[in-house]
């Protein structure tokens, strides 16, 4: 089992917040899950581990989109 420390996950220029980094990695793992995988390989890494490894290497690029505030627009 591989353990990722907060320092690895929030390394330079990757994410300012470890929770944000984990959310980005989880979203990437869900994206990876949509692609077909080689079922003959029994030693394949879990998708969450793969996405965290790629995040710590800096291979995943993401941006934060500000949340829109306010209710319904009345016209």
N, C-alpha and C. Protein backbone atom coordinates (compact mmCIF):
# COMPACT_ATOMS: atom_id res chain seq x y z
N UNK A 1 0.85 -1.18 0.00
CA UNK A 1 0.00 0.00 0.00
C UNK A 1 0.89 1.24 0.00
N UNK A 2 0.58 2.14 -0.88
CA UNK A 2 1.36 3.37 -0.98
C UNK A 2 0.65 4.48 -0.23
N UNK A 3 1.41 5.24 0.54
CA UNK A 3 0.86 6.33 1.33
C UNK A 3 1.34 7.65 0.75
N UNK A 4 0.42 8.59 0.56
CA UNK A 4 0.76 9.91 0.06
C UNK A 4 0.61 10.90 1.21
N UNK A 5 1.69 11.63 1.51
CA UNK A 5 1.64 12.61 2.59
C UNK A 5 1.07 13.92 2.06
N UNK A 6 0.54 14.75 2.96
CA UNK A 6 0.02 16.06 2.51
C UNK A 6 1.07 16.90 1.80
N UNK A 7 2.33 16.77 2.19
CA UNK A 7 3.40 17.51 1.53
C UNK A 7 3.59 17.09 0.08
N UNK A 8 3.42 15.79 -0.18
CA UNK A 8 3.54 15.30 -1.55
C UNK A 8 2.37 15.78 -2.40
N UNK A 9 1.19 15.72 -1.83
CA UNK A 9 -0.02 16.07 -2.58
C UNK A 9 -0.08 17.56 -2.85
N UNK A 10 0.34 18.38 -1.89
CA UNK A 10 0.27 19.83 -2.07
C UNK A 10 1.62 20.42 -2.39
N UNK A 11 2.42 19.68 -3.14
CA UNK A 11 3.75 20.15 -3.53
C UNK A 11 3.67 21.46 -4.30
N UNK A 12 4.82 21.98 -4.64
CA UNK A 12 4.89 23.28 -5.30
C UNK A 12 4.05 23.33 -6.57
N UNK A 13 3.23 24.35 -6.66
CA UNK A 13 2.43 24.66 -7.85
C UNK A 13 1.43 23.57 -8.24
N UNK A 14 1.16 22.60 -7.37
CA UNK A 14 0.18 21.57 -7.70
C UNK A 14 -1.18 21.93 -7.12
N UNK A 15 -1.21 22.26 -5.87
CA UNK A 15 -2.46 22.65 -5.23
C UNK A 15 -2.11 23.38 -3.95
N UNK A 16 -2.93 24.32 -3.57
CA UNK A 16 -2.69 25.06 -2.34
C UNK A 16 -3.38 24.39 -1.16
N UNK A 17 -4.27 23.48 -1.44
CA UNK A 17 -5.06 22.85 -0.40
C UNK A 17 -5.06 21.35 -0.64
N UNK A 18 -4.73 20.56 0.38
CA UNK A 18 -4.66 19.11 0.19
C UNK A 18 -6.02 18.51 -0.13
N UNK A 19 -7.09 19.08 0.39
CA UNK A 19 -8.43 18.57 0.09
C UNK A 19 -8.80 18.83 -1.36
N UNK A 20 -8.43 19.99 -1.86
CA UNK A 20 -8.67 20.31 -3.26
C UNK A 20 -7.88 19.37 -4.17
N UNK A 21 -6.65 19.06 -3.78
CA UNK A 21 -5.83 18.15 -4.56
C UNK A 21 -6.43 16.75 -4.60
N UNK A 22 -6.94 16.29 -3.48
CA UNK A 22 -7.56 14.96 -3.43
C UNK A 22 -8.84 14.94 -4.25
N UNK A 23 -9.62 16.02 -4.22
CA UNK A 23 -10.82 16.10 -5.04
C UNK A 23 -10.48 16.05 -6.53
N UNK A 24 -9.42 16.75 -6.93
CA UNK A 24 -9.00 16.73 -8.33
C UNK A 24 -8.53 15.33 -8.73
N UNK A 25 -7.80 14.65 -7.85
CA UNK A 25 -7.34 13.29 -8.14
C UNK A 25 -8.51 12.32 -8.23
N UNK A 26 -9.51 12.49 -7.36
CA UNK A 26 -10.69 11.62 -7.39
C UNK A 26 -11.49 11.82 -8.67
N UNK A 27 -11.62 13.06 -9.09
CA UNK A 27 -12.32 13.34 -10.34
C UNK A 27 -11.57 12.72 -11.52
N UNK A 28 -10.25 12.79 -11.50
CA UNK A 28 -9.44 12.20 -12.55
C UNK A 28 -9.57 10.67 -12.54
N UNK A 29 -9.65 10.07 -11.35
CA UNK A 29 -9.83 8.61 -11.24
C UNK A 29 -11.17 8.21 -11.84
N UNK A 30 -12.22 9.01 -11.62
CA UNK A 30 -13.52 8.72 -12.23
C UNK A 30 -13.45 8.81 -13.75
N UNK A 31 -12.67 9.75 -14.25
CA UNK A 31 -12.48 9.88 -15.69
C UNK A 31 -11.73 8.67 -16.25
N UNK A 32 -10.70 8.21 -15.53
CA UNK A 32 -9.96 7.02 -15.95
C UNK A 32 -10.84 5.78 -15.96
N UNK A 33 -11.80 5.73 -15.06
CA UNK A 33 -12.69 4.58 -14.96
C UNK A 33 -13.58 4.42 -16.19
N UNK A 34 -13.79 5.50 -16.93
CA UNK A 34 -14.63 5.45 -18.13
C UNK A 34 -13.92 4.77 -19.30
N UNK A 35 -12.59 4.71 -19.27
CA UNK A 35 -11.83 4.11 -20.36
C UNK A 35 -11.69 2.60 -20.13
N UNK A 36 -11.64 1.81 -21.21
CA UNK A 36 -11.46 0.36 -21.05
C UNK A 36 -10.07 0.05 -20.50
N UNK A 37 -10.02 -0.97 -19.66
CA UNK A 37 -8.75 -1.38 -19.06
C UNK A 37 -8.40 -2.79 -19.52
N UNK A 38 -7.14 -3.13 -19.37
CA UNK A 38 -6.67 -4.46 -19.69
C UNK A 38 -7.03 -5.39 -18.54
N UNK A 39 -8.00 -6.24 -18.74
CA UNK A 39 -8.47 -7.15 -17.67
C UNK A 39 -7.53 -8.32 -17.44
N UNK A 40 -6.60 -8.58 -18.37
CA UNK A 40 -5.69 -9.71 -18.20
C UNK A 40 -4.61 -9.41 -17.16
N UNK A 41 -4.38 -8.15 -16.89
CA UNK A 41 -3.35 -7.77 -15.92
C UNK A 41 -3.94 -7.72 -14.52
N UNK A 42 -3.54 -8.65 -13.68
CA UNK A 42 -4.08 -8.69 -12.31
C UNK A 42 -3.30 -7.77 -11.37
N UNK A 43 -2.13 -7.30 -11.78
CA UNK A 43 -1.29 -6.45 -10.92
C UNK A 43 -1.47 -4.97 -11.25
N UNK A 44 -2.55 -4.61 -11.92
CA UNK A 44 -2.77 -3.21 -12.27
C UNK A 44 -3.07 -2.41 -11.00
N UNK A 45 -2.55 -1.19 -10.96
CA UNK A 45 -2.77 -0.33 -9.80
C UNK A 45 -4.20 0.17 -9.78
N UNK A 46 -4.67 0.48 -8.59
CA UNK A 46 -6.01 1.05 -8.47
C UNK A 46 -6.01 2.44 -9.10
N UNK A 47 -7.16 2.83 -9.58
CA UNK A 47 -7.26 4.11 -10.28
C UNK A 47 -6.98 5.29 -9.36
N UNK A 48 -7.39 5.20 -8.10
CA UNK A 48 -7.12 6.31 -7.18
C UNK A 48 -5.61 6.43 -6.92
N UNK A 49 -4.93 5.31 -6.81
CA UNK A 49 -3.47 5.34 -6.62
C UNK A 49 -2.80 5.93 -7.85
N UNK A 50 -3.25 5.50 -9.02
CA UNK A 50 -2.69 6.04 -10.27
C UNK A 50 -2.89 7.54 -10.38
N UNK A 51 -4.08 8.01 -10.03
CA UNK A 51 -4.35 9.44 -10.15
C UNK A 51 -3.55 10.25 -9.12
N UNK A 52 -3.39 9.73 -7.91
CA UNK A 52 -2.57 10.44 -6.91
C UNK A 52 -1.10 10.46 -7.32
N UNK A 53 -0.62 9.38 -7.91
CA UNK A 53 0.77 9.37 -8.40
C UNK A 53 0.96 10.42 -9.49
N UNK A 54 0.01 10.50 -10.41
CA UNK A 54 0.13 11.47 -11.49
C UNK A 54 0.00 12.90 -10.96
N UNK A 55 -0.82 13.09 -9.93
CA UNK A 55 -0.95 14.42 -9.32
C UNK A 55 0.37 14.83 -8.66
N UNK A 56 0.99 13.92 -7.93
CA UNK A 56 2.24 14.26 -7.25
C UNK A 56 3.38 14.49 -8.24
N UNK A 57 3.33 13.85 -9.41
CA UNK A 57 4.34 14.09 -10.45
C UNK A 57 4.08 15.39 -11.20
N UNK A 58 2.88 15.93 -11.07
CA UNK A 58 2.54 17.16 -11.78
C UNK A 58 1.94 16.92 -13.15
N UNK A 59 1.50 15.69 -13.44
CA UNK A 59 0.94 15.36 -14.74
C UNK A 59 -0.52 15.80 -14.89
N UNK A 60 -1.21 15.99 -13.77
CA UNK A 60 -2.61 16.41 -13.83
C UNK A 60 -2.66 17.93 -13.72
N UNK A 61 -3.33 18.54 -14.66
CA UNK A 61 -3.51 20.00 -14.63
C UNK A 61 -4.99 20.29 -14.38
N UNK A 62 -5.27 21.15 -13.43
CA UNK A 62 -6.65 21.51 -13.14
C UNK A 62 -6.71 22.96 -12.73
N UNK A 63 -7.89 23.52 -12.81
CA UNK A 63 -8.08 24.91 -12.38
C UNK A 63 -9.37 24.99 -11.58
N UNK A 64 -9.42 25.95 -10.71
CA UNK A 64 -10.59 26.15 -9.86
C UNK A 64 -11.47 27.20 -10.52
N UNK A 65 -12.72 26.84 -10.73
CA UNK A 65 -13.68 27.77 -11.31
C UNK A 65 -14.50 28.34 -10.16
N UNK A 66 -14.52 29.67 -10.01
CA UNK A 66 -15.27 30.26 -8.90
C UNK A 66 -16.75 29.90 -8.98
N UNK A 67 -17.29 29.64 -7.83
CA UNK A 67 -18.70 29.28 -7.72
C UNK A 67 -19.56 30.52 -7.92
N UNK A 68 -20.63 30.37 -8.66
CA UNK A 68 -21.54 31.50 -8.85
C UNK A 68 -22.41 31.67 -7.62
N UNK A 69 -22.48 32.87 -7.14
CA UNK A 69 -23.29 33.18 -5.97
C UNK A 69 -24.64 33.75 -6.42
N UNK A 70 -25.61 33.64 -5.58
CA UNK A 70 -26.90 34.24 -5.88
C UNK A 70 -27.93 33.20 -6.21
N UNK A 71 -29.16 33.63 -6.19
CA UNK A 71 -30.27 32.75 -6.47
C UNK A 71 -30.70 32.82 -7.93
N UNK A 72 -31.95 32.53 -8.14
CA UNK A 72 -32.49 32.54 -9.49
C UNK A 72 -32.57 33.98 -10.00
N UNK A 73 -32.39 34.12 -11.28
CA UNK A 73 -32.44 35.45 -11.89
C UNK A 73 -33.89 35.76 -12.22
N UNK A 74 -34.38 36.87 -11.68
CA UNK A 74 -35.78 37.28 -11.93
C UNK A 74 -35.79 38.31 -13.05
N UNK A 75 -36.57 38.04 -14.04
CA UNK A 75 -36.65 38.98 -15.15
C UNK A 75 -38.08 39.47 -15.30
